[in-house]
């Protein structure tokens, strides 16, 4: 019986790992380097190695380089810090888009995060497909996700904040796009971020659940646009009860005077929760805003 039990334990260890079998550097980090000088050459390889619901935080350090990969962080990943050497120097990029092989918007991501309690720092997430319709750079599903000094590059649907119970924090990040380039159902705080509109379109398309008290809050953010942009809306409701607020933000003259759009559905006007407080800049004139905001 003892032999059978010992064999069973060995099989379990082989199947699930011992939890501490990865190599680390002198700082206790797993290192990723595209040039082969680290423990792994791709971010995905390192993430798959550490998947598991850990009590002790695990750090993956990514050296500068271009990482052409479709990154998926599944729900078993918890307590992870994914830190790049520099935000401009670490670029995770892929070129899928919604109409390619019927991927749909949800499948067009460069990076998708289902895990919880994860911090991303000094990283760029790029969808390189170009102006071809929906093409997501980052798709979040998990809860308590924090992004510090990260960049999100794309066009339509750059940042997909999915997961209606997800809570997200973006600190000092850069986010660019064309249409609805920040969209989804999560609750998200954008603090001291740079938001850049590349076309006459819409910054946000929230789909906040009716039971959630708040959706998007942009606090002390700077909004800029490409030179040719003249009519950029702050948001339109992807679903009823969409919630988006701009607080103490700098708004350029290219913000549409109405500020908000009802997505062609007047019923949205009675449920959308939109607002601005103490914003500055030539686009902050409240007297021309949509009366239902």
C-alpha atoms as a PDB file:
ATOM      1  CA  UNK A   1       0.000   0.000   0.000  1.00  0.00           C
ATOM      2  CA  UNK A   2       2.851   2.390   0.837  1.00  0.00           C
ATOM      3  CA  UNK A   3       4.356   1.748  -2.607  1.00  0.00           C
ATOM      4  CA  UNK A   4       1.058   2.542  -4.312  1.00  0.00           C
ATOM      5  CA  UNK A   5       0.674   5.756  -2.297  1.00  0.00           C
ATOM      6  CA  UNK A   6       4.240   6.871  -3.138  1.00  0.00           C
ATOM      7  CA  UNK A   7       3.649   6.224  -6.824  1.00  0.00           C
ATOM      8  CA  UNK A   8       0.452   8.255  -6.648  1.00  0.00           C
ATOM      9  CA  UNK A   9       2.322  11.227  -5.145  1.00  0.00           C
ATOM     10  CA  UNK A  10       4.966  11.033  -7.860  1.00  0.00           C
ATOM     11  CA  UNK A  11       2.278  11.044 -10.552  1.00  0.00           C
ATOM     12  CA  UNK A  12       0.642  14.105  -8.974  1.00  0.00           C
ATOM     13  CA  UNK A  13       3.958  15.943  -8.874  1.00  0.00           C
ATOM     14  CA  UNK A  14       4.604  15.156 -12.509  1.00  0.00           C
ATOM     15  CA  UNK A  15       1.138  16.317 -13.527  1.00  0.00           C
ATOM     16  CA  UNK A  16       0.962  19.577 -11.559  1.00  0.00           C
ATOM     17  CA  UNK A  17       4.568  20.487 -10.822  1.00  0.00           C
ATOM     18  CA  UNK A  18       6.136  21.249  -7.505  1.00  0.00           C
ATOM     19  CA  UNK A  19       5.386  24.989  -7.567  1.00  0.00           C
ATOM     20  CA  UNK A  20       9.036  26.086  -7.324  1.00  0.00           C
ATOM     21  CA  UNK A  21      10.714  24.386 -10.261  1.00  0.00           C
ATOM     22  CA  UNK A  22      11.493  27.498 -12.318  1.00  0.00           C
ATOM     23  CA  UNK A  23      14.843  29.285 -12.526  1.00  0.00           C
ATOM     24  CA  UNK A  24      15.219  32.814 -11.131  1.00  0.00           C
ATOM     25  CA  UNK A  25      17.892  35.516 -11.321  1.00  0.00           C
ATOM     26  CA  UNK A  26      19.654  37.194  -8.387  1.00  0.00           C
ATOM     27  CA  UNK A  27      16.547  39.345  -7.817  1.00  0.00           C
ATOM     28  CA  UNK A  28      14.269  36.327  -7.557  1.00  0.00           C
ATOM     29  CA  UNK A  29      12.710  36.938 -10.978  1.00  0.00           C
ATOM     30  CA  UNK A  30      12.014  34.742 -13.953  1.00  0.00           C
ATOM     31  CA  UNK A  31      13.626  36.457 -16.946  1.00  0.00           C
ATOM     32  CA  UNK A  32      12.304  36.574 -20.508  1.00  0.00           C
ATOM     33  CA  UNK A  33      14.583  37.727 -23.317  1.00  0.00           C
ATOM     34  CA  UNK A  34      13.849  37.547 -27.032  1.00  0.00           C
ATOM     35  CA  UNK A  35      17.575  37.180 -27.773  1.00  0.00           C
ATOM     36  CA  UNK A  36      17.842  34.006 -25.698  1.00  0.00           C
ATOM     37  CA  UNK A  37      19.798  35.478 -22.772  1.00  0.00           C
ATOM     38  CA  UNK A  38      16.970  34.823 -20.273  1.00  0.00           C
ATOM     39  CA  UNK A  39      15.185  31.762 -18.940  1.00  0.00           C
ATOM     40  CA  UNK A  40      12.592  31.912 -21.730  1.00  0.00           C
ATOM     41  CA  UNK A  41      12.393  33.555 -25.157  1.00  0.00           C
ATOM     42  CA  UNK A  42       8.666  34.331 -25.112  1.00  0.00           C
ATOM     43  CA  UNK A  43       6.369  35.791 -22.478  1.00  0.00           C
ATOM     44  CA  UNK A  44       3.849  33.023 -23.029  1.00  0.00           C
ATOM     45  CA  UNK A  45       6.373  30.315 -22.158  1.00  0.00           C
ATOM     46  CA  UNK A  46       7.176  31.983 -18.836  1.00  0.00           C
ATOM     47  CA  UNK A  47       3.504  32.523 -17.944  1.00  0.00           C
ATOM     48  CA  UNK A  48       2.654  28.894 -18.676  1.00  0.00           C
ATOM     49  CA  UNK A  49       5.467  27.822 -16.371  1.00  0.00           C
ATOM     50  CA  UNK A  50       4.141  29.731 -13.365  1.00  0.00           C
ATOM     51  CA  UNK A  51       0.404  29.201 -13.760  1.00  0.00           C
ATOM     52  CA  UNK A  52      -1.194  28.372 -10.452  1.00  0.00           C
ATOM     53  CA  UNK A  53      -2.972  30.049  -7.550  1.00  0.00           C
ATOM     54  CA  UNK A  54       0.108  31.180  -5.622  1.00  0.00           C
ATOM     55  CA  UNK A  55       0.038  32.854  -2.210  1.00  0.00           C
ATOM     56  CA  UNK A  56       3.471  34.372  -2.794  1.00  0.00           C
ATOM     57  CA  UNK A  57       3.760  36.854  -5.694  1.00  0.00           C
ATOM     58  CA  UNK A  58       5.792  35.714  -8.680  1.00  0.00           C
ATOM     59  CA  UNK A  59       7.733  38.198 -10.849  1.00  0.00           C
ATOM     60  CA  UNK A  60       8.398  37.737 -14.547  1.00  0.00           C
ATOM     61  CA  UNK A  61      10.877  40.310 -15.875  1.00  0.00           C
ATOM     62  CA  UNK A  62      10.843  40.923 -19.636  1.00  0.00           C
ATOM     63  CA  UNK A  63      13.916  42.387 -21.287  1.00  0.00           C
ATOM     64  CA  UNK A  64      13.604  44.899 -24.114  1.00  0.00           C
ATOM     65  CA  UNK A  65      12.644  43.320 -27.399  1.00  0.00           C
ATOM     66  CA  UNK A  66       9.821  42.691 -29.870  1.00  0.00           C
ATOM     67  CA  UNK A  67       7.694  39.712 -28.815  1.00  0.00           C
ATOM     68  CA  UNK A  68       5.436  38.641 -31.663  1.00  0.00           C
ATOM     69  CA  UNK A  69       3.046  36.352 -29.843  1.00  0.00           C
ATOM     70  CA  UNK A  70      -0.594  35.916 -28.910  1.00  0.00           C
ATOM     71  CA  UNK A  71      -0.442  35.985 -25.123  1.00  0.00           C
ATOM     72  CA  UNK A  72      -3.083  34.202 -23.039  1.00  0.00           C
ATOM     73  CA  UNK A  73      -3.001  34.337 -19.232  1.00  0.00           C
ATOM     74  CA  UNK A  74      -5.580  31.874 -18.005  1.00  0.00           C
ATOM     75  CA  UNK A  75      -7.705  31.837 -14.864  1.00  0.00           C
ATOM     76  CA  UNK A  76      -5.209  29.697 -12.925  1.00  0.00           C
ATOM     77  CA  UNK A  77      -2.690  32.557 -12.814  1.00  0.00           C
ATOM     78  CA  UNK A  78      -2.803  34.593  -9.619  1.00  0.00           C
ATOM     79  CA  UNK A  79      -0.420  36.921  -7.728  1.00  0.00           C
ATOM     80  CA  UNK A  80       1.801  37.745 -10.697  1.00  0.00           C
ATOM     81  CA  UNK A  81       3.920  40.790 -11.529  1.00  0.00           C
ATOM     82  CA  UNK A  82       4.751  41.006 -15.233  1.00  0.00           C
ATOM     83  CA  UNK A  83       7.321  43.778 -15.552  1.00  0.00           C
ATOM     84  CA  UNK A  84       9.102  45.047 -18.622  1.00  0.00           C
ATOM     85  CA  UNK A  85      12.542  46.620 -18.806  1.00  0.00           C
ATOM     86  CA  UNK A  86      10.936  49.719 -20.377  1.00  0.00           C
ATOM     87  CA  UNK A  87       7.494  50.581 -21.724  1.00  0.00           C
ATOM     88  CA  UNK A  88       8.841  51.610 -25.139  1.00  0.00           C
ATOM     89  CA  UNK A  89      11.337  48.775 -25.330  1.00  0.00           C
ATOM     90  CA  UNK A  90       9.123  45.768 -24.538  1.00  0.00           C
ATOM     91  CA  UNK A  91       6.511  45.343 -27.263  1.00  0.00           C
ATOM     92  CA  UNK A  92       4.108  42.390 -27.271  1.00  0.00           C
ATOM     93  CA  UNK A  93       2.501  42.482 -30.694  1.00  0.00           C
ATOM     94  CA  UNK A  94       0.217  40.430 -32.922  1.00  0.00           C
ATOM     95  CA  UNK A  95      -1.967  41.102 -35.959  1.00  0.00           C
ATOM     96  CA  UNK A  96      -5.272  39.259 -35.583  1.00  0.00           C
ATOM     97  CA  UNK A  97      -8.557  41.041 -36.299  1.00  0.00           C
ATOM     98  CA  UNK A  98     -12.256  40.223 -35.956  1.00  0.00           C
ATOM     99  CA  UNK A  99     -12.990  39.342 -39.587  1.00  0.00           C
ATOM    100  CA  UNK A 100      -9.931  37.114 -39.954  1.00  0.00           C
ATOM    101  CA  UNK A 101     -11.115  33.493 -40.033  1.00  0.00           C
ATOM    102  CA  UNK A 102     -14.255  34.550 -38.111  1.00  0.00           C
ATOM    103  CA  UNK A 103     -12.255  35.242 -34.952  1.00  0.00           C
ATOM    104  CA  UNK A 104     -14.733  37.885 -33.819  1.00  0.00           C
ATOM    105  CA  UNK A 105     -13.775  40.814 -31.631  1.00  0.00           C
ATOM    106  CA  UNK A 106     -13.163  38.627 -28.558  1.00  0.00           C
ATOM    107  CA  UNK A 107     -10.762  36.404 -30.463  1.00  0.00           C
ATOM    108  CA  UNK A 108      -8.788  39.180 -32.118  1.00  0.00           C
ATOM    109  CA  UNK A 109      -6.694  40.000 -29.044  1.00  0.00           C
ATOM    110  CA  UNK A 110      -2.940  40.272 -28.799  1.00  0.00           C
ATOM    111  CA  UNK A 111      -3.128  39.644 -25.036  1.00  0.00           C
ATOM    112  CA  UNK A 112      -5.997  38.198 -23.005  1.00  0.00           C
ATOM    113  CA  UNK A 113      -6.001  38.052 -19.198  1.00  0.00           C
ATOM    114  CA  UNK A 114      -8.376  35.801 -17.267  1.00  0.00           C
ATOM    115  CA  UNK A 115      -6.263  35.562 -14.093  1.00  0.00           C
ATOM    116  CA  UNK A 116      -6.644  37.727 -10.993  1.00  0.00           C
ATOM    117  CA  UNK A 117      -4.375  39.875  -8.805  1.00  0.00           C
ATOM    118  CA  UNK A 118      -1.957  40.625 -11.624  1.00  0.00           C
ATOM    119  CA  UNK A 119       0.155  43.750 -12.129  1.00  0.00           C
ATOM    120  CA  UNK A 120       1.555  44.737 -15.524  1.00  0.00           C
ATOM    121  CA  UNK A 121       4.312  47.327 -15.571  1.00  0.00           C
ATOM    122  CA  UNK A 122       6.392  48.979 -18.300  1.00  0.00           C
ATOM    123  CA  UNK A 123       4.949  47.026 -21.224  1.00  0.00           C
ATOM    124  CA  UNK A 124       3.484  47.782 -24.659  1.00  0.00           C
ATOM    125  CA  UNK A 125       0.578  45.748 -26.018  1.00  0.00           C
ATOM    126  CA  UNK A 126       0.000  46.291 -29.723  1.00  0.00           C
ATOM    127  CA  UNK A 127      -2.461  45.028 -32.288  1.00  0.00           C
ATOM    128  CA  UNK A 128      -0.613  45.548 -35.560  1.00  0.00           C
ATOM    129  CA  UNK A 129      -3.501  44.667 -37.902  1.00  0.00           C
ATOM    130  CA  UNK A 130      -4.120  48.293 -38.859  1.00  0.00           C
ATOM    131  CA  UNK A 131      -7.483  49.948 -39.680  1.00  0.00           C
ATOM    132  CA  UNK A 132      -9.331  46.728 -40.550  1.00  0.00           C
ATOM    133  CA  UNK A 133     -12.226  46.897 -38.084  1.00  0.00           C
ATOM    134  CA  UNK A 134     -12.219  45.485 -34.552  1.00  0.00           C
ATOM    135  CA  UNK A 135      -8.719  44.399 -33.525  1.00  0.00           C
ATOM    136  CA  UNK A 136      -8.031  44.147 -29.786  1.00  0.00           C
ATOM    137  CA  UNK A 137      -4.631  44.765 -28.204  1.00  0.00           C
ATOM    138  CA  UNK A 138      -5.642  43.866 -24.612  1.00  0.00           C
ATOM    139  CA  UNK A 139      -8.702  41.903 -23.483  1.00  0.00           C
ATOM    140  CA  UNK A 140      -9.262  41.645 -19.735  1.00  0.00           C
ATOM    141  CA  UNK A 141     -11.586  39.216 -17.978  1.00  0.00           C
ATOM    142  CA  UNK A 142      -9.946  38.898 -14.553  1.00  0.00           C
ATOM    143  CA  UNK A 143     -10.379  40.898 -11.360  1.00  0.00           C
ATOM    144  CA  UNK A 144      -7.959  43.238  -9.590  1.00  0.00           C
ATOM    145  CA  UNK A 145      -5.741  43.868 -12.585  1.00  0.00           C
ATOM    146  CA  UNK A 146      -3.330  46.791 -12.411  1.00  0.00           C
ATOM    147  CA  UNK A 147      -1.499  48.380 -15.340  1.00  0.00           C
ATOM    148  CA  UNK A 148       1.332  50.806 -14.543  1.00  0.00           C
ATOM    149  CA  UNK A 149       3.120  52.805 -17.248  1.00  0.00           C
ATOM    150  CA  UNK A 150       1.845  50.547 -20.018  1.00  0.00           C
ATOM    151  CA  UNK A 151       1.008  51.402 -23.642  1.00  0.00           C
ATOM    152  CA  UNK A 152      -1.929  50.064 -25.652  1.00  0.00           C
ATOM    153  CA  UNK A 153      -1.603  50.570 -29.406  1.00  0.00           C
ATOM    154  CA  UNK A 154      -4.227  49.906 -32.029  1.00  0.00           C
ATOM    155  CA  UNK A 155      -7.173  51.315 -33.916  1.00  0.00           C
ATOM    156  CA  UNK A 156     -10.751  50.135 -33.404  1.00  0.00           C
ATOM    157  CA  UNK A 157     -11.404  48.338 -30.069  1.00  0.00           C
ATOM    158  CA  UNK A 158      -7.855  48.649 -28.739  1.00  0.00           C
ATOM    159  CA  UNK A 159      -8.679  47.986 -25.068  1.00  0.00           C
ATOM    160  CA  UNK A 160     -11.477  45.509 -24.256  1.00  0.00           C
ATOM    161  CA  UNK A 161     -12.306  45.630 -20.549  1.00  0.00           C
ATOM    162  CA  UNK A 162     -14.502  42.555 -20.283  1.00  0.00           C
ATOM    163  CA  UNK A 163     -15.750  40.820 -17.159  1.00  0.00           C
ATOM    164  CA  UNK A 164     -18.687  42.674 -15.613  1.00  0.00           C
ATOM    165  CA  UNK A 165     -17.308  42.035 -12.111  1.00  0.00           C
ATOM    166  CA  UNK A 166     -13.748  42.927 -13.021  1.00  0.00           C
ATOM    167  CA  UNK A 167     -11.979  45.805 -11.262  1.00  0.00           C
ATOM    168  CA  UNK A 168      -9.129  47.414 -13.160  1.00  0.00           C
ATOM    169  CA  UNK A 169      -6.657  50.210 -12.516  1.00  0.00           C
ATOM    170  CA  UNK A 170      -4.609  51.989 -15.191  1.00  0.00           C
ATOM    171  CA  UNK A 171      -1.909  54.317 -13.862  1.00  0.00           C
ATOM    172  CA  UNK A 172       0.130  56.583 -16.116  1.00  0.00           C
ATOM    173  CA  UNK A 173      -0.750  54.556 -19.220  1.00  0.00           C
ATOM    174  CA  UNK A 174      -0.981  55.552 -22.891  1.00  0.00           C
ATOM    175  CA  UNK A 175      -4.017  54.326 -24.846  1.00  0.00           C
ATOM    176  CA  UNK A 176      -4.671  55.103 -28.503  1.00  0.00           C
ATOM    177  CA  UNK A 177      -7.252  54.154 -31.090  1.00  0.00           C
ATOM    178  CA  UNK A 178     -10.009  55.153 -33.482  1.00  0.00           C
ATOM    179  CA  UNK A 179     -13.520  53.832 -32.746  1.00  0.00           C
ATOM    180  CA  UNK A 180     -14.684  52.701 -29.276  1.00  0.00           C
ATOM    181  CA  UNK A 181     -11.068  52.077 -28.417  1.00  0.00           C
ATOM    182  CA  UNK A 182     -11.835  51.690 -24.697  1.00  0.00           C
ATOM    183  CA  UNK A 183     -14.880  49.470 -24.289  1.00  0.00           C
ATOM    184  CA  UNK A 184     -16.481  46.802 -22.119  1.00  0.00           C
ATOM    185  CA  UNK A 185     -18.294  46.054 -18.878  1.00  0.00           C
ATOM    186  CA  UNK A 186     -15.580  46.195 -16.190  1.00  0.00           C
ATOM    187  CA  UNK A 187     -15.181  48.879 -13.553  1.00  0.00           C
ATOM    188  CA  UNK A 188     -11.982  50.730 -14.387  1.00  0.00           C
ATOM    189  CA  UNK A 189     -10.063  53.711 -13.028  1.00  0.00           C
ATOM    190  CA  UNK A 190      -7.788  55.532 -15.462  1.00  0.00           C
ATOM    191  CA  UNK A 191      -5.468  57.747 -13.423  1.00  0.00           C
ATOM    192  CA  UNK A 192      -3.037  60.237 -15.010  1.00  0.00           C
ATOM    193  CA  UNK A 193      -3.298  58.471 -18.366  1.00  0.00           C
ATOM    194  CA  UNK A 194      -2.767  59.822 -21.879  1.00  0.00           C
ATOM    195  CA  UNK A 195      -5.711  59.003 -24.161  1.00  0.00           C
ATOM    196  CA  UNK A 196      -5.126  59.629 -27.886  1.00  0.00           C
ATOM    197  CA  UNK A 197      -7.885  59.624 -30.506  1.00  0.00           C
ATOM    198  CA  UNK A 198      -6.783  58.913 -34.069  1.00  0.00           C
ATOM    199  CA  UNK A 199     -10.096  59.528 -35.902  1.00  0.00           C
ATOM    200  CA  UNK A 200     -13.423  61.343 -35.719  1.00  0.00           C
ATOM    201  CA  UNK A 201     -15.186  58.742 -33.614  1.00  0.00           C
ATOM    202  CA  UNK A 202     -15.713  57.685 -29.978  1.00  0.00           C
ATOM    203  CA  UNK A 203     -13.272  57.181 -27.109  1.00  0.00           C
ATOM    204  CA  UNK A 204     -15.395  54.873 -24.950  1.00  0.00           C
ATOM    205  CA  UNK A 205     -18.183  52.356 -25.396  1.00  0.00           C
ATOM    206  CA  UNK A 206     -19.002  51.139 -21.901  1.00  0.00           C
ATOM    207  CA  UNK A 207     -21.400  48.257 -21.276  1.00  0.00           C
ATOM    208  CA  UNK A 208     -21.606  48.637 -17.496  1.00  0.00           C
ATOM    209  CA  UNK A 209     -24.058  46.288 -15.750  1.00  0.00           C
ATOM    210  CA  UNK A 210     -27.059  48.050 -14.222  1.00  0.00           C
ATOM    211  CA  UNK A 211     -26.182  46.754 -10.736  1.00  0.00           C
ATOM    212  CA  UNK A 212     -22.636  48.173 -10.854  1.00  0.00           C
ATOM    213  CA  UNK A 213     -22.498  51.686  -9.365  1.00  0.00           C
ATOM    214  CA  UNK A 214     -19.706  52.854 -11.664  1.00  0.00           C
ATOM    215  CA  UNK A 215     -18.027  51.856 -14.901  1.00  0.00           C
ATOM    216  CA  UNK A 216     -15.204  54.036 -16.243  1.00  0.00           C
ATOM    217  CA  UNK A 217     -13.620  56.903 -14.322  1.00  0.00           C
ATOM    218  CA  UNK A 218     -10.949  58.996 -16.039  1.00  0.00           C
ATOM    219  CA  UNK A 219      -9.119  61.057 -13.411  1.00  0.00           C
ATOM    220  CA  UNK A 220      -6.516  63.690 -14.298  1.00  0.00           C
ATOM    221  CA  UNK A 221      -6.151  62.247 -17.781  1.00  0.00           C
ATOM    222  CA  UNK A 222      -4.921  64.139 -20.817  1.00  0.00           C
ATOM    223  CA  UNK A 223      -6.924  63.641 -24.014  1.00  0.00           C
ATOM    224  CA  UNK A 224      -5.181  64.395 -27.312  1.00  0.00           C
ATOM    225  CA  UNK A 225      -6.070  63.798 -30.943  1.00  0.00           C
ATOM    226  CA  UNK A 226      -4.376  63.463 -34.300  1.00  0.00           C
ATOM    227  CA  UNK A 227      -4.187  66.767 -36.250  1.00  0.00           C
ATOM    228  CA  UNK A 228      -6.994  65.775 -38.638  1.00  0.00           C
ATOM    229  CA  UNK A 229      -9.488  64.943 -35.869  1.00  0.00           C
ATOM    230  CA  UNK A 230     -12.241  67.509 -35.232  1.00  0.00           C
ATOM    231  CA  UNK A 231     -15.204  65.569 -33.807  1.00  0.00           C
ATOM    232  CA  UNK A 232     -14.263  63.065 -31.121  1.00  0.00           C
ATOM    233  CA  UNK A 233     -16.990  61.999 -28.692  1.00  0.00           C
ATOM    234  CA  UNK A 234     -16.190  61.130 -25.085  1.00  0.00           C
ATOM    235  CA  UNK A 235     -18.391  58.071 -25.285  1.00  0.00           C
ATOM    236  CA  UNK A 236     -21.448  56.190 -26.460  1.00  0.00           C
ATOM    237  CA  UNK A 237     -23.297  53.386 -24.639  1.00  0.00           C
ATOM    238  CA  UNK A 238     -22.573  49.914 -25.986  1.00  0.00           C
ATOM    239  CA  UNK A 239     -25.303  48.675 -23.628  1.00  0.00           C
ATOM    240  CA  UNK A 240     -27.941  50.442 -21.497  1.00  0.00           C
ATOM    241  CA  UNK A 241     -26.691  51.778 -18.136  1.00  0.00           C
ATOM    242  CA  UNK A 242     -23.253  52.548 -19.532  1.00  0.00           C
ATOM    243  CA  UNK A 243     -21.247  54.524 -16.966  1.00  0.00           C
ATOM    244  CA  UNK A 244     -18.370  56.871 -17.864  1.00  0.00           C
ATOM    245  CA  UNK A 245     -17.054  59.948 -16.045  1.00  0.00           C
ATOM    246  CA  UNK A 246     -14.232  62.379 -16.814  1.00  0.00           C
ATOM    247  CA  UNK A 247     -12.907  64.092 -13.693  1.00  0.00           C
ATOM    248  CA  UNK A 248     -10.290  66.870 -13.767  1.00  0.00           C
ATOM    249  CA  UNK A 249      -9.222  65.858 -17.269  1.00  0.00           C
ATOM    250  CA  UNK A 250      -7.716  68.007 -20.008  1.00  0.00           C
ATOM    251  CA  UNK A 251      -9.959  67.987 -23.076  1.00  0.00           C
ATOM    252  CA  UNK A 252      -8.830  69.327 -26.485  1.00  0.00           C
ATOM    253  CA  UNK A 253     -10.855  71.512 -28.863  1.00  0.00           C
ATOM    254  CA  UNK A 254     -11.473  68.480 -31.084  1.00  0.00           C
ATOM    255  CA  UNK A 255     -13.967  67.013 -28.579  1.00  0.00           C
ATOM    256  CA  UNK A 256     -17.434  67.149 -30.157  1.00  0.00           C
ATOM    257  CA  UNK A 257     -19.491  69.945 -28.573  1.00  0.00           C
ATOM    258  CA  UNK A 258     -22.235  67.477 -27.547  1.00  0.00           C
ATOM    259  CA  UNK A 259     -19.647  65.298 -25.805  1.00  0.00           C
ATOM    260  CA  UNK A 260     -21.785  62.175 -25.771  1.00  0.00           C
ATOM    261  CA  UNK A 261     -23.675  60.100 -28.365  1.00  0.00           C
ATOM    262  CA  UNK A 262     -26.705  57.836 -27.833  1.00  0.00           C
ATOM    263  CA  UNK A 263     -25.614  55.232 -30.440  1.00  0.00           C
ATOM    264  CA  UNK A 264     -28.761  55.958 -32.440  1.00  0.00           C
ATOM    265  CA  UNK A 265     -31.031  54.682 -29.655  1.00  0.00           C
ATOM    266  CA  UNK A 266     -32.934  57.341 -27.744  1.00  0.00           C
ATOM    267  CA  UNK A 267     -33.771  54.838 -24.992  1.00  0.00           C
ATOM    268  CA  UNK A 268     -30.097  54.860 -24.011  1.00  0.00           C
ATOM    269  CA  UNK A 269     -30.468  58.462 -22.936  1.00  0.00           C
ATOM    270  CA  UNK A 270     -32.611  57.500 -19.949  1.00  0.00           C
ATOM    271  CA  UNK A 271     -30.168  54.920 -18.559  1.00  0.00           C
ATOM    272  CA  UNK A 272     -26.653  56.081 -19.516  1.00  0.00           C
ATOM    273  CA  UNK A 273     -24.644  57.441 -16.604  1.00  0.00           C
ATOM    274  CA  UNK A 274     -22.325  60.021 -18.105  1.00  0.00           C
ATOM    275  CA  UNK A 275     -20.675  63.035 -16.576  1.00  0.00           C
ATOM    276  CA  UNK A 276     -17.780  65.473 -16.384  1.00  0.00           C
ATOM    277  CA  UNK A 277     -16.409  67.335 -13.392  1.00  0.00           C
ATOM    278  CA  UNK A 278     -13.901  70.161 -13.223  1.00  0.00           C
ATOM    279  CA  UNK A 279     -12.308  69.397 -16.605  1.00  0.00           C
ATOM    280  CA  UNK A 280     -10.129  71.931 -18.411  1.00  0.00           C
ATOM    281  CA  UNK A 281      -9.121  72.739 -21.974  1.00  0.00           C
ATOM    282  CA  UNK A 282     -10.916  74.082 -25.024  1.00  0.00           C
ATOM    283  CA  UNK A 283     -13.054  70.943 -25.268  1.00  0.00           C
ATOM    284  CA  UNK A 284     -14.384  71.205 -21.718  1.00  0.00           C
ATOM    285  CA  UNK A 285     -17.244  73.643 -22.464  1.00  0.00           C
ATOM    286  CA  UNK A 286     -20.258  72.086 -20.707  1.00  0.00           C
ATOM    287  CA  UNK A 287     -22.918  74.455 -22.062  1.00  0.00           C
ATOM    288  CA  UNK A 288     -23.031  72.619 -25.406  1.00  0.00           C
ATOM    289  CA  UNK A 289     -23.193  69.090 -23.986  1.00  0.00           C
ATOM    290  CA  UNK A 290     -26.006  66.627 -24.685  1.00  0.00           C
ATOM    291  CA  UNK A 291     -28.815  67.489 -22.299  1.00  0.00           C
ATOM    292  CA  UNK A 292     -29.282  63.903 -21.148  1.00  0.00           C
ATOM    293  CA  UNK A 293     -25.699  63.460 -19.925  1.00  0.00           C
END
